[in-house]
Amino acid sequence: MLLCLSLPYSVIIFVQESADTRFDLIFSTRTAYYFRVVMMQLILAGICIIWMLMPQYRTSVLAIGLSFGFAIGAMASSAKKLIAAMDPSITMYGQIGVQTGYLQPLIMFSIIDFNPLASIWKFRLAIAYAVFVSVAMFIILNVLHFRSDAFTKANERLSYGVGVEQETFEDVDSTRQFTETEPLFPEEAKHGVPRWVWVWCAINGFLMFIKLCQ
């Protein structure tokens, strides 16, 4: 099951390397990332519902694992790009969110006392929590997408270079793109290693500790 979850992620990375630009050209960057990050939440919820209701055979469960792997791979890689385009300094919070997501099943399992010998009712209850979280994230992301400009600048940055050929022997407009950016804590850097570097190292160490505990 872990292999079925992990293997598609690598495949998705290679596919997105060439396919993302094509979809961005056809549907626009804003629409394409809306589908990859926001609509994918509903797809995940749908996969969970199918898993809850279907007969639990080994082959069907492995197929569900592959479906999760492809869906999560596409969503996670696109979400990381979107966060980095919004502000590179907040990628750390994205990692904290990922690790928090890893901890949620452990907390849920302890609350409902779920174990390998648990009843099918407890299994469906655990999966129902994943459906709830996916639908809640879908609603929140829709509000951010349509009712705010949280992703506007990120979508603009991600659209830079879309449609521009990688290799050309003709003169092209190479005007530099300018965006509103500023150094991260420039005053602290004048006095040696900034404090945020040590905070970043400490948080990464904590996140690695959580991964090892899992």
N, C-alpha and C. Protein backbone atom coordinates (compact mmCIF):
# COMPACT_ATOMS: atom_id res chain seq x y z
N MET A 1 0.84 -1.21 0.00
CA MET A 1 0.00 0.00 0.00
C MET A 1 0.87 1.26 0.00
N LEU A 2 1.94 1.24 0.81
CA LEU A 2 2.83 2.41 0.85
C LEU A 2 3.50 2.62 -0.50
N LEU A 3 3.85 1.52 -1.18
CA LEU A 3 4.45 1.63 -2.51
C LEU A 3 3.45 2.22 -3.50
N CYS A 4 2.20 1.78 -3.41
CA CYS A 4 1.16 2.31 -4.30
C CYS A 4 0.93 3.80 -4.06
N LEU A 5 1.11 4.25 -2.82
CA LEU A 5 0.96 5.67 -2.51
C LEU A 5 2.16 6.49 -2.97
N SER A 6 3.35 5.93 -2.85
CA SER A 6 4.58 6.70 -3.10
C SER A 6 5.01 6.69 -4.56
N LEU A 7 4.88 5.56 -5.23
CA LEU A 7 5.38 5.44 -6.61
C LEU A 7 4.74 6.43 -7.57
N PRO A 8 3.40 6.63 -7.55
CA PRO A 8 2.80 7.58 -8.50
C PRO A 8 3.31 9.01 -8.34
N TYR A 9 3.75 9.37 -7.13
CA TYR A 9 4.22 10.74 -6.91
C TYR A 9 5.40 11.06 -7.83
N SER A 10 6.34 10.13 -7.95
CA SER A 10 7.50 10.35 -8.83
C SER A 10 7.06 10.43 -10.29
N VAL A 11 6.10 9.60 -10.67
CA VAL A 11 5.60 9.63 -12.05
C VAL A 11 4.94 10.97 -12.34
N ILE A 12 4.15 11.46 -11.40
CA ILE A 12 3.45 12.73 -11.58
C ILE A 12 4.43 13.88 -11.77
N ILE A 13 5.54 13.87 -11.03
CA ILE A 13 6.54 14.95 -11.16
C ILE A 13 7.07 15.02 -12.57
N PHE A 14 7.39 13.86 -13.17
CA PHE A 14 7.92 13.83 -14.53
C PHE A 14 6.85 14.24 -15.55
N VAL A 15 5.62 13.80 -15.33
CA VAL A 15 4.53 14.14 -16.26
C VAL A 15 4.25 15.63 -16.22
N GLN A 16 4.22 16.20 -15.01
CA GLN A 16 3.91 17.63 -14.88
C GLN A 16 5.00 18.50 -15.50
N GLU A 17 6.23 17.99 -15.58
CA GLU A 17 7.32 18.77 -16.15
C GLU A 17 6.99 19.23 -17.56
N SER A 18 6.30 18.39 -18.33
CA SER A 18 5.96 18.75 -19.71
C SER A 18 4.48 19.07 -19.90
N ALA A 19 3.62 18.41 -19.11
CA ALA A 19 2.18 18.57 -19.32
C ALA A 19 1.63 19.86 -18.73
N ASP A 20 2.21 20.34 -17.62
CA ASP A 20 1.66 21.52 -16.96
C ASP A 20 1.60 22.73 -17.89
N THR A 21 2.68 22.94 -18.64
CA THR A 21 2.72 24.11 -19.53
C THR A 21 1.63 24.04 -20.58
N ARG A 22 1.38 22.85 -21.11
CA ARG A 22 0.33 22.70 -22.13
C ARG A 22 -1.04 23.04 -21.57
N PHE A 23 -1.33 22.54 -20.39
CA PHE A 23 -2.63 22.84 -19.78
C PHE A 23 -2.74 24.32 -19.40
N ASP A 24 -1.63 24.90 -18.96
CA ASP A 24 -1.64 26.33 -18.65
C ASP A 24 -1.95 27.16 -19.88
N LEU A 25 -1.42 26.74 -21.03
CA LEU A 25 -1.68 27.46 -22.28
C LEU A 25 -3.14 27.31 -22.72
N ILE A 26 -3.69 26.13 -22.54
CA ILE A 26 -5.05 25.87 -23.01
C ILE A 26 -6.09 26.51 -22.09
N PHE A 27 -5.91 26.35 -20.77
CA PHE A 27 -6.94 26.77 -19.83
C PHE A 27 -6.58 28.01 -19.01
N SER A 28 -5.37 28.52 -19.12
CA SER A 28 -4.80 29.61 -18.34
C SER A 28 -4.25 29.07 -17.03
N THR A 29 -3.22 29.74 -16.52
CA THR A 29 -2.56 29.28 -15.30
C THR A 29 -3.52 29.30 -14.11
N ARG A 30 -4.33 30.33 -14.00
CA ARG A 30 -5.27 30.44 -12.88
C ARG A 30 -6.23 29.26 -12.84
N THR A 31 -6.81 28.92 -14.00
CA THR A 31 -7.77 27.81 -14.05
C THR A 31 -7.10 26.47 -13.81
N ALA A 32 -5.91 26.29 -14.40
CA ALA A 32 -5.21 25.02 -14.26
C ALA A 32 -4.82 24.75 -12.81
N TYR A 33 -4.31 25.77 -12.13
CA TYR A 33 -3.94 25.58 -10.73
C TYR A 33 -5.15 25.47 -9.82
N TYR A 34 -6.26 26.08 -10.21
CA TYR A 34 -7.50 25.91 -9.46
C TYR A 34 -7.91 24.44 -9.47
N PHE A 35 -7.80 23.81 -10.64
CA PHE A 35 -8.18 22.40 -10.73
C PHE A 35 -7.19 21.53 -9.96
N ARG A 36 -5.89 21.79 -10.12
CA ARG A 36 -4.88 20.94 -9.48
C ARG A 36 -4.89 21.04 -7.96
N VAL A 37 -5.17 22.21 -7.43
CA VAL A 37 -5.08 22.41 -5.99
C VAL A 37 -6.45 22.37 -5.31
N VAL A 38 -7.45 23.02 -5.90
CA VAL A 38 -8.76 23.15 -5.24
C VAL A 38 -9.69 21.99 -5.60
N MET A 39 -9.92 21.78 -6.90
CA MET A 39 -10.83 20.72 -7.31
C MET A 39 -10.33 19.34 -6.93
N MET A 40 -9.01 19.20 -6.82
CA MET A 40 -8.45 17.91 -6.44
C MET A 40 -8.91 17.50 -5.04
N GLN A 41 -9.31 18.47 -4.21
CA GLN A 41 -9.84 18.13 -2.88
C GLN A 41 -11.12 17.31 -3.01
N LEU A 42 -11.97 17.68 -3.96
CA LEU A 42 -13.21 16.92 -4.17
C LEU A 42 -12.92 15.54 -4.73
N ILE A 43 -11.91 15.45 -5.60
CA ILE A 43 -11.53 14.15 -6.15
C ILE A 43 -11.04 13.23 -5.03
N LEU A 44 -10.26 13.77 -4.12
CA LEU A 44 -9.80 12.98 -2.98
C LEU A 44 -10.98 12.52 -2.12
N ALA A 45 -11.93 13.42 -1.90
CA ALA A 45 -13.12 13.05 -1.12
C ALA A 45 -13.90 11.95 -1.83
N GLY A 46 -13.98 12.04 -3.16
CA GLY A 46 -14.68 11.00 -3.92
C GLY A 46 -13.99 9.65 -3.82
N ILE A 47 -12.67 9.64 -3.88
CA ILE A 47 -11.92 8.38 -3.74
C ILE A 47 -12.17 7.79 -2.35
N CYS A 48 -12.19 8.64 -1.33
CA CYS A 48 -12.45 8.17 0.03
C CYS A 48 -13.84 7.54 0.15
N ILE A 49 -14.84 8.16 -0.47
CA ILE A 49 -16.21 7.63 -0.39
C ILE A 49 -16.29 6.28 -1.08
N ILE A 50 -15.62 6.16 -2.24
CA ILE A 50 -15.59 4.87 -2.94
C ILE A 50 -14.94 3.81 -2.05
N TRP A 51 -13.85 4.18 -1.38
CA TRP A 51 -13.15 3.24 -0.50
C TRP A 51 -14.04 2.81 0.66
N MET A 52 -14.85 3.72 1.18
CA MET A 52 -15.73 3.40 2.29
C MET A 52 -16.78 2.37 1.90
N LEU A 53 -17.32 2.50 0.69
CA LEU A 53 -18.49 1.72 0.30
C LEU A 53 -18.18 0.45 -0.47
N MET A 54 -16.98 0.34 -1.04
CA MET A 54 -16.67 -0.81 -1.90
C MET A 54 -16.29 -2.03 -1.05
N PRO A 55 -16.38 -3.23 -1.63
CA PRO A 55 -15.89 -4.44 -0.94
C PRO A 55 -14.37 -4.34 -0.74
N GLN A 56 -13.91 -4.74 0.42
CA GLN A 56 -12.50 -4.55 0.77
C GLN A 56 -11.67 -5.77 0.37
N TYR A 57 -11.34 -5.82 -0.94
CA TYR A 57 -10.45 -6.86 -1.44
C TYR A 57 -9.05 -6.28 -1.61
N ARG A 58 -8.05 -7.17 -1.63
CA ARG A 58 -6.67 -6.70 -1.69
C ARG A 58 -6.41 -5.89 -2.96
N THR A 59 -6.85 -6.39 -4.11
CA THR A 59 -6.58 -5.68 -5.38
C THR A 59 -7.30 -4.34 -5.44
N SER A 60 -8.54 -4.30 -4.94
CA SER A 60 -9.30 -3.05 -4.99
C SER A 60 -8.70 -2.01 -4.04
N VAL A 61 -8.19 -2.45 -2.89
CA VAL A 61 -7.56 -1.53 -1.95
C VAL A 61 -6.26 -0.98 -2.54
N LEU A 62 -5.49 -1.83 -3.22
CA LEU A 62 -4.26 -1.36 -3.88
C LEU A 62 -4.58 -0.36 -4.99
N ALA A 63 -5.69 -0.60 -5.70
CA ALA A 63 -6.12 0.36 -6.74
C ALA A 63 -6.47 1.71 -6.12
N ILE A 64 -7.11 1.67 -4.97
CA ILE A 64 -7.41 2.91 -4.25
C ILE A 64 -6.11 3.61 -3.86
N GLY A 65 -5.12 2.84 -3.41
CA GLY A 65 -3.83 3.42 -3.06
C GLY A 65 -3.16 4.11 -4.24
N LEU A 66 -3.23 3.49 -5.41
CA LEU A 66 -2.68 4.13 -6.62
C LEU A 66 -3.43 5.41 -6.95
N SER A 67 -4.76 5.38 -6.81
CA SER A 67 -5.56 6.57 -7.09
C SER A 67 -5.18 7.70 -6.14
N PHE A 68 -5.01 7.37 -4.87
CA PHE A 68 -4.57 8.37 -3.90
C PHE A 68 -3.19 8.92 -4.28
N GLY A 69 -2.30 8.03 -4.69
CA GLY A 69 -0.94 8.46 -5.03
C GLY A 69 -0.92 9.46 -6.17
N PHE A 70 -1.68 9.19 -7.23
CA PHE A 70 -1.71 10.11 -8.36
C PHE A 70 -2.38 11.44 -7.99
N ALA A 71 -3.50 11.36 -7.27
CA ALA A 71 -4.23 12.58 -6.91
C ALA A 71 -3.43 13.45 -5.95
N ILE A 72 -2.87 12.82 -4.91
CA ILE A 72 -2.10 13.59 -3.92
C ILE A 72 -0.82 14.12 -4.54
N GLY A 73 -0.19 13.32 -5.41
CA GLY A 73 1.04 13.79 -6.07
C GLY A 73 0.81 15.04 -6.90
N ALA A 74 -0.27 15.03 -7.70
CA ALA A 74 -0.58 16.20 -8.52
C ALA A 74 -0.92 17.41 -7.67
N MET A 75 -1.69 17.19 -6.61
CA MET A 75 -2.11 18.30 -5.77
C MET A 75 -0.93 18.86 -4.96
N ALA A 76 -0.14 17.97 -4.37
CA ALA A 76 0.94 18.42 -3.48
C ALA A 76 2.02 19.18 -4.24
N SER A 77 2.42 18.67 -5.40
CA SER A 77 3.47 19.36 -6.17
C SER A 77 2.99 20.72 -6.65
N SER A 78 1.73 20.81 -7.08
CA SER A 78 1.19 22.09 -7.54
C SER A 78 1.02 23.06 -6.37
N ALA A 79 0.59 22.54 -5.21
CA ALA A 79 0.42 23.40 -4.04
C ALA A 79 1.76 23.97 -3.59
N LYS A 80 2.82 23.16 -3.66
CA LYS A 80 4.15 23.65 -3.27
C LYS A 80 4.61 24.75 -4.21
N LYS A 81 4.36 24.59 -5.50
CA LYS A 81 4.72 25.64 -6.46
C LYS A 81 3.94 26.92 -6.18
N LEU A 82 2.66 26.76 -5.87
CA LEU A 82 1.81 27.92 -5.60
C LEU A 82 2.28 28.67 -4.36
N ILE A 83 2.63 27.94 -3.30
CA ILE A 83 3.10 28.56 -2.07
C ILE A 83 4.41 29.30 -2.31
N ALA A 84 5.34 28.64 -3.02
CA ALA A 84 6.63 29.27 -3.29
C ALA A 84 6.47 30.52 -4.15
N ALA A 85 5.49 30.50 -5.08
CA ALA A 85 5.26 31.68 -5.92
C ALA A 85 4.61 32.81 -5.13
N MET A 86 3.83 32.47 -4.12
CA MET A 86 3.21 33.50 -3.28
C MET A 86 4.28 34.27 -2.50
N ASP A 87 5.14 33.52 -1.82
CA ASP A 87 6.21 34.11 -1.02
C ASP A 87 7.14 32.99 -0.58
N PRO A 88 8.37 32.95 -1.08
CA PRO A 88 9.29 31.85 -0.72
C PRO A 88 9.51 31.71 0.78
N SER A 89 9.34 32.79 1.52
CA SER A 89 9.61 32.72 2.96
C SER A 89 8.54 31.96 3.73
N ILE A 90 7.37 31.67 3.11
CA ILE A 90 6.30 30.97 3.82
C ILE A 90 6.25 29.48 3.49
N THR A 91 7.21 29.00 2.70
CA THR A 91 7.22 27.57 2.39
C THR A 91 7.40 26.73 3.66
N MET A 92 8.06 27.30 4.65
CA MET A 92 8.23 26.60 5.92
C MET A 92 6.88 26.28 6.56
N TYR A 93 5.93 27.21 6.46
CA TYR A 93 4.61 26.97 7.03
C TYR A 93 3.87 25.88 6.24
N GLY A 94 4.16 25.80 4.95
CA GLY A 94 3.58 24.72 4.15
C GLY A 94 4.06 23.36 4.64
N GLN A 95 5.36 23.28 4.98
CA GLN A 95 5.89 22.03 5.52
C GLN A 95 5.26 21.69 6.87
N ILE A 96 5.04 22.72 7.69
CA ILE A 96 4.38 22.49 8.98
C ILE A 96 2.97 21.95 8.75
N GLY A 97 2.28 22.49 7.75
CA GLY A 97 0.95 22.00 7.43
C GLY A 97 0.96 20.55 6.99
N VAL A 98 1.97 20.17 6.20
CA VAL A 98 2.09 18.78 5.75
C VAL A 98 2.27 17.85 6.94
N GLN A 99 3.18 18.22 7.84
CA GLN A 99 3.43 17.37 9.01
C GLN A 99 2.20 17.31 9.93
N THR A 100 1.48 18.41 10.04
CA THR A 100 0.25 18.41 10.82
C THR A 100 -0.77 17.45 10.21
N GLY A 101 -0.81 17.43 8.87
CA GLY A 101 -1.69 16.49 8.20
C GLY A 101 -1.32 15.05 8.47
N TYR A 102 -0.02 14.78 8.57
CA TYR A 102 0.42 13.42 8.91
C TYR A 102 -0.02 13.01 10.31
N LEU A 103 -0.09 13.97 11.22
CA LEU A 103 -0.45 13.65 12.60
C LEU A 103 -1.95 13.42 12.79
N GLN A 104 -2.77 14.00 11.93
CA GLN A 104 -4.21 13.91 12.12
C GLN A 104 -4.74 12.48 12.15
N PRO A 105 -4.31 11.58 11.23
CA PRO A 105 -4.82 10.20 11.33
C PRO A 105 -4.45 9.52 12.65
N LEU A 106 -3.24 9.80 13.14
CA LEU A 106 -2.84 9.19 14.41
C LEU A 106 -3.75 9.63 15.54
N ILE A 107 -4.09 10.92 15.55
CA ILE A 107 -4.99 11.44 16.58
C ILE A 107 -6.38 10.83 16.42
N MET A 108 -6.85 10.76 15.17
CA MET A 108 -8.18 10.21 14.92
C MET A 108 -8.26 8.74 15.31
N PHE A 109 -7.20 7.98 14.98
CA PHE A 109 -7.19 6.56 15.32
C PHE A 109 -7.25 6.34 16.83
N SER A 110 -6.56 7.20 17.57
CA SER A 110 -6.56 7.05 19.03
C SER A 110 -7.92 7.43 19.62
N ILE A 111 -8.59 8.40 19.01
CA ILE A 111 -9.89 8.84 19.52
C ILE A 111 -10.95 7.74 19.35
N ILE A 112 -10.98 7.13 18.16
CA ILE A 112 -12.01 6.11 17.89
C ILE A 112 -11.52 4.70 18.20
N ASP A 113 -10.27 4.60 18.71
CA ASP A 113 -9.68 3.30 19.04
C ASP A 113 -9.64 2.38 17.82
N PHE A 114 -9.12 2.93 16.73
CA PHE A 114 -9.04 2.15 15.48
C PHE A 114 -7.78 1.30 15.49
N ASN A 115 -7.90 0.04 15.04
CA ASN A 115 -6.77 -0.87 14.95
C ASN A 115 -7.04 -1.86 13.82
N PRO A 116 -6.06 -2.70 13.46
CA PRO A 116 -6.27 -3.63 12.34
C PRO A 116 -7.44 -4.58 12.52
N LEU A 117 -7.86 -4.82 13.75
CA LEU A 117 -9.00 -5.72 14.00
C LEU A 117 -10.31 -4.97 14.20
N ALA A 118 -10.32 -3.69 13.95
CA ALA A 118 -11.53 -2.87 14.17
C ALA A 118 -12.62 -3.27 13.18
N SER A 119 -13.84 -2.93 13.54
CA SER A 119 -14.99 -3.25 12.69
C SER A 119 -15.01 -2.36 11.46
N ILE A 120 -15.81 -2.79 10.48
CA ILE A 120 -15.95 -2.01 9.24
C ILE A 120 -16.57 -0.65 9.53
N TRP A 121 -17.38 -0.56 10.58
CA TRP A 121 -17.99 0.73 10.96
C TRP A 121 -16.93 1.72 11.39
N LYS A 122 -15.96 1.26 12.22
CA LYS A 122 -14.88 2.15 12.65
C LYS A 122 -13.99 2.54 11.46
N PHE A 123 -13.78 1.60 10.55
CA PHE A 123 -12.99 1.91 9.35
C PHE A 123 -13.67 3.02 8.55
N ARG A 124 -14.96 2.91 8.34
CA ARG A 124 -15.69 3.92 7.58
C ARG A 124 -15.73 5.26 8.32
N LEU A 125 -15.76 5.20 9.63
CA LEU A 125 -15.74 6.44 10.42
C LEU A 125 -14.40 7.15 10.24
N ALA A 126 -13.31 6.38 10.23
CA ALA A 126 -11.98 6.98 10.04
C ALA A 126 -11.87 7.60 8.65
N ILE A 127 -12.37 6.93 7.63
CA ILE A 127 -12.31 7.46 6.27
C ILE A 127 -13.24 8.66 6.12
N ALA A 128 -14.36 8.65 6.84
CA ALA A 128 -15.29 9.78 6.78
C ALA A 128 -14.63 11.06 7.26
N TYR A 129 -13.71 10.94 8.21
CA TYR A 129 -12.98 12.14 8.67
C TYR A 129 -12.16 12.73 7.54
N ALA A 130 -11.54 11.88 6.72
CA ALA A 130 -10.77 12.37 5.58
C ALA A 130 -11.69 13.07 4.57
N VAL A 131 -12.89 12.55 4.38
CA VAL A 131 -13.86 13.20 3.50
C VAL A 131 -14.23 14.58 4.03
N PHE A 132 -14.46 14.66 5.33
CA PHE A 132 -14.80 15.95 5.96
C PHE A 132 -13.69 16.96 5.77
N VAL A 133 -12.44 16.56 6.00
CA VAL A 133 -11.31 17.47 5.86
C VAL A 133 -11.16 17.94 4.42
N SER A 134 -11.30 17.03 3.46
CA SER A 134 -11.16 17.39 2.05
C SER A 134 -12.24 18.39 1.62
N VAL A 135 -13.48 18.15 2.04
CA VAL A 135 -14.57 19.06 1.69
C VAL A 135 -14.37 20.41 2.36
N ALA A 136 -13.92 20.41 3.61
CA ALA A 136 -13.66 21.67 4.32
C ALA A 136 -12.56 22.47 3.62
N MET A 137 -11.49 21.79 3.20
CA MET A 137 -10.41 22.47 2.48
C MET A 137 -10.89 23.00 1.13
N PHE A 138 -11.78 22.24 0.48
CA PHE A 138 -12.34 22.69 -0.80
C PHE A 138 -13.09 24.00 -0.62
N ILE A 139 -13.89 24.10 0.43
CA ILE A 139 -14.66 25.32 0.69
C ILE A 139 -13.74 26.49 1.02
N ILE A 140 -12.77 26.25 1.89
CA ILE A 140 -11.85 27.33 2.29
C ILE A 140 -11.04 27.84 1.10
N LEU A 141 -10.52 26.92 0.29
CA LEU A 141 -9.72 27.32 -0.87
C LEU A 141 -10.56 28.04 -1.92
N ASN A 142 -11.83 27.65 -2.05
CA ASN A 142 -12.72 28.36 -2.97
C ASN A 142 -12.94 29.80 -2.53
N VAL A 143 -13.11 29.99 -1.22
CA VAL A 143 -13.27 31.35 -0.71
C VAL A 143 -12.02 32.18 -1.00
N LEU A 144 -10.85 31.61 -0.75
CA LEU A 144 -9.60 32.32 -1.02
C LEU A 144 -9.41 32.59 -2.50
N HIS A 145 -9.86 31.66 -3.33
CA HIS A 145 -9.65 31.81 -4.77
C HIS A 145 -10.58 32.85 -5.39
N PHE A 146 -11.86 32.82 -4.99
CA PHE A 146 -12.85 33.68 -5.65
C PHE A 146 -13.14 34.97 -4.88
N ARG A 147 -12.96 34.98 -3.56
CA ARG A 147 -13.34 36.14 -2.76
C ARG A 147 -12.15 36.96 -2.28
N SER A 148 -10.93 36.57 -2.64
CA SER A 148 -9.76 37.33 -2.23
C SER A 148 -8.73 37.28 -3.35
N ASP A 149 -7.65 38.03 -3.17
CA ASP A 149 -6.57 38.02 -4.15
C ASP A 149 -5.36 37.27 -3.61
N ALA A 150 -5.60 36.27 -2.74
CA ALA A 150 -4.51 35.54 -2.10
C ALA A 150 -3.61 34.84 -3.12
N PHE A 151 -4.21 34.34 -4.19
CA PHE A 151 -3.44 33.59 -5.18
C PHE A 151 -3.16 34.40 -6.46
N THR A 152 -3.59 35.64 -6.50
CA THR A 152 -3.46 36.43 -7.74
C THR A 152 -2.01 36.61 -8.15
N LYS A 153 -1.19 37.12 -7.23
CA LYS A 153 0.22 37.36 -7.55
C LYS A 153 0.94 36.06 -7.86
N ALA A 154 0.60 34.99 -7.14
CA ALA A 154 1.24 33.69 -7.39
C ALA A 154 0.90 33.19 -8.79
N ASN A 155 -0.36 33.33 -9.20
CA ASN A 155 -0.75 32.90 -10.54
C ASN A 155 -0.05 33.72 -11.62
N GLU A 156 0.13 35.00 -11.36
CA GLU A 156 0.85 35.84 -12.32
C GLU A 156 2.30 35.39 -12.46
N ARG A 157 2.94 35.09 -11.33
CA ARG A 157 4.33 34.65 -11.38
C ARG A 157 4.47 33.29 -12.04
N LEU A 158 3.52 32.40 -11.79
CA LEU A 158 3.58 31.07 -12.39
C LEU A 158 3.33 31.12 -13.89
N SER A 159 2.65 32.17 -14.34
CA SER A 159 2.37 32.29 -15.78
C SER A 159 3.53 32.88 -16.56
N TYR A 160 4.57 33.39 -15.86
CA TYR A 160 5.73 33.92 -16.57
C TYR A 160 6.39 32.80 -17.38
N GLY A 161 6.64 33.06 -18.62
CA GLY A 161 7.33 32.09 -19.46
C GLY A 161 6.43 31.07 -20.11
N VAL A 162 5.13 31.03 -19.73
CA VAL A 162 4.22 30.09 -20.36
C VAL A 162 4.03 30.47 -21.82
N GLY A 163 4.29 29.53 -22.72
CA GLY A 163 4.17 29.80 -24.15
C GLY A 163 5.45 30.27 -24.79
N VAL A 164 6.49 30.51 -23.98
CA VAL A 164 7.78 30.93 -24.54
C VAL A 164 8.59 29.69 -24.84
N GLU A 165 9.07 29.56 -26.06
CA GLU A 165 9.85 28.40 -26.46
C GLU A 165 11.17 28.37 -25.71
N GLN A 166 11.60 27.17 -25.34
CA GLN A 166 12.84 27.03 -24.61
C GLN A 166 14.06 27.25 -25.50
N GLU A 167 13.97 26.83 -26.75
CA GLU A 167 15.08 26.98 -27.67
C GLU A 167 14.63 27.76 -28.90
N THR A 168 15.34 28.80 -29.22
CA THR A 168 15.00 29.61 -30.38
C THR A 168 16.24 30.31 -30.88
N PHE A 169 16.28 30.53 -32.18
CA PHE A 169 17.40 31.22 -32.79
C PHE A 169 16.98 32.60 -33.29
N GLU A 170 15.77 33.01 -32.91
CA GLU A 170 15.28 34.31 -33.31
C GLU A 170 15.37 35.27 -32.14
N ASP A 171 15.37 36.57 -32.47
CA ASP A 171 15.39 37.58 -31.43
C ASP A 171 14.05 37.57 -30.70
N VAL A 172 14.12 37.55 -29.40
CA VAL A 172 12.90 37.55 -28.59
C VAL A 172 12.97 38.69 -27.60
N ASP A 173 11.82 39.06 -27.10
CA ASP A 173 11.75 40.09 -26.08
C ASP A 173 12.19 39.51 -24.75
N SER A 174 13.36 39.91 -24.29
CA SER A 174 13.91 39.37 -23.05
C SER A 174 13.81 40.37 -21.91
N THR A 175 12.77 41.20 -21.95
CA THR A 175 12.57 42.18 -20.89
C THR A 175 12.37 41.48 -19.56
N ARG A 176 13.10 41.91 -18.56
CA ARG A 176 13.02 41.27 -17.25
C ARG A 176 11.68 41.57 -16.58
N GLN A 177 11.13 40.53 -15.95
CA GLN A 177 9.89 40.68 -15.21
C GLN A 177 10.20 41.19 -13.81
N PHE A 178 9.53 42.23 -13.41
CA PHE A 178 9.75 42.81 -12.08
C PHE A 178 8.53 42.55 -11.20
N THR A 179 8.79 42.10 -9.99
CA THR A 179 7.72 41.89 -9.02
C THR A 179 8.10 42.57 -7.71
N GLU A 180 7.10 42.80 -6.89
CA GLU A 180 7.33 43.48 -5.62
C GLU A 180 7.95 42.50 -4.62
N THR A 181 9.26 42.60 -4.45
CA THR A 181 9.97 41.73 -3.50
C THR A 181 10.91 42.57 -2.66
N GLU A 182 11.33 42.01 -1.55
CA GLU A 182 12.28 42.70 -0.68
C GLU A 182 13.09 41.66 0.09
N PRO A 183 14.30 41.98 0.51
CA PRO A 183 15.12 41.01 1.25
C PRO A 183 14.43 40.58 2.54
N LEU A 184 14.73 39.35 2.97
CA LEU A 184 14.15 38.81 4.18
C LEU A 184 15.00 39.20 5.38
N PHE A 185 14.49 40.12 6.22
CA PHE A 185 15.17 40.61 7.41
C PHE A 185 16.59 41.09 7.11
N PRO A 186 16.76 42.10 6.26
CA PRO A 186 18.11 42.54 5.88
C PRO A 186 18.91 43.10 7.04
N GLU A 187 18.26 43.74 8.02
CA GLU A 187 18.99 44.33 9.14
C GLU A 187 19.67 43.26 9.99
N GLU A 188 18.98 42.13 10.21
CA GLU A 188 19.55 41.07 11.02
C GLU A 188 20.76 40.45 10.35
N ALA A 189 20.77 40.41 9.01
CA ALA A 189 21.86 39.78 8.28
C ALA A 189 23.16 40.55 8.42
N LYS A 190 23.08 41.82 8.81
CA LYS A 190 24.29 42.64 8.95
C LYS A 190 25.12 42.23 10.16
N HIS A 191 24.51 41.49 11.08
CA HIS A 191 25.19 41.13 12.33
C HIS A 191 25.47 39.63 12.41
N GLY A 192 25.68 39.00 11.28
CA GLY A 192 25.97 37.56 11.26
C GLY A 192 24.78 36.76 10.76
N VAL A 193 24.71 35.52 11.17
CA VAL A 193 23.62 34.64 10.74
C VAL A 193 22.30 35.13 11.34
N PRO A 194 21.31 35.42 10.51
CA PRO A 194 20.03 35.92 11.03
C PRO A 194 19.37 34.90 11.95
N ARG A 195 18.55 35.40 12.86
CA ARG A 195 17.88 34.53 13.81
C ARG A 195 16.92 33.58 13.13
N TRP A 196 16.30 34.03 12.01
CA TRP A 196 15.32 33.18 11.35
C TRP A 196 15.95 31.91 10.81
N VAL A 197 17.25 31.94 10.50
CA VAL A 197 17.93 30.74 10.01
C VAL A 197 17.93 29.65 11.09
N TRP A 198 18.24 30.06 12.35
CA TRP A 198 18.25 29.10 13.44
C TRP A 198 16.84 28.60 13.74
N VAL A 199 15.85 29.48 13.62
CA VAL A 199 14.46 29.05 13.81
C VAL A 199 14.07 28.04 12.75
N TRP A 200 14.48 28.32 11.50
CA TRP A 200 14.18 27.41 10.39
C TRP A 200 14.83 26.05 10.63
N CYS A 201 16.09 26.02 11.08
CA CYS A 201 16.79 24.77 11.36
C CYS A 201 16.09 23.99 12.48
N ALA A 202 15.67 24.71 13.52
CA ALA A 202 15.00 24.05 14.65
C ALA A 202 13.67 23.44 14.23
N ILE A 203 12.89 24.19 13.44
CA ILE A 203 11.59 23.68 13.00
C ILE A 203 11.77 22.49 12.08
N ASN A 204 12.77 22.55 11.17
CA ASN A 204 13.02 21.41 10.29
C ASN A 204 13.44 20.17 11.08
N GLY A 205 14.24 20.39 12.13
CA GLY A 205 14.61 19.27 12.98
C GLY A 205 13.42 18.66 13.67
N PHE A 206 12.48 19.51 14.12
CA PHE A 206 11.26 19.02 14.75
C PHE A 206 10.40 18.24 13.78
N LEU A 207 10.29 18.73 12.54
CA LEU A 207 9.50 18.05 11.52
C LEU A 207 10.11 16.69 11.18
N MET A 208 11.43 16.63 11.11
CA MET A 208 12.09 15.35 10.85
C MET A 208 11.83 14.37 12.00
N PHE A 209 11.79 14.88 13.23
CA PHE A 209 11.49 14.04 14.40
C PHE A 209 10.09 13.46 14.27
N ILE A 210 9.12 14.28 13.82
CA ILE A 210 7.75 13.79 13.65
C ILE A 210 7.70 12.69 12.58
N LYS A 211 8.45 12.89 11.48
CA LYS A 211 8.48 11.87 10.43
C LYS A 211 9.02 10.55 10.95
N LEU A 212 10.10 10.62 11.75
CA LEU A 212 10.69 9.40 12.29
C LEU A 212 9.74 8.69 13.25
N CYS A 213 8.96 9.47 14.00
CA CYS A 213 8.01 8.88 14.94
C CYS A 213 6.88 8.15 14.23
N GLN A 214 6.59 8.55 12.99
CA GLN A 214 5.51 7.92 12.26
C GLN A 214 5.91 6.55 11.76
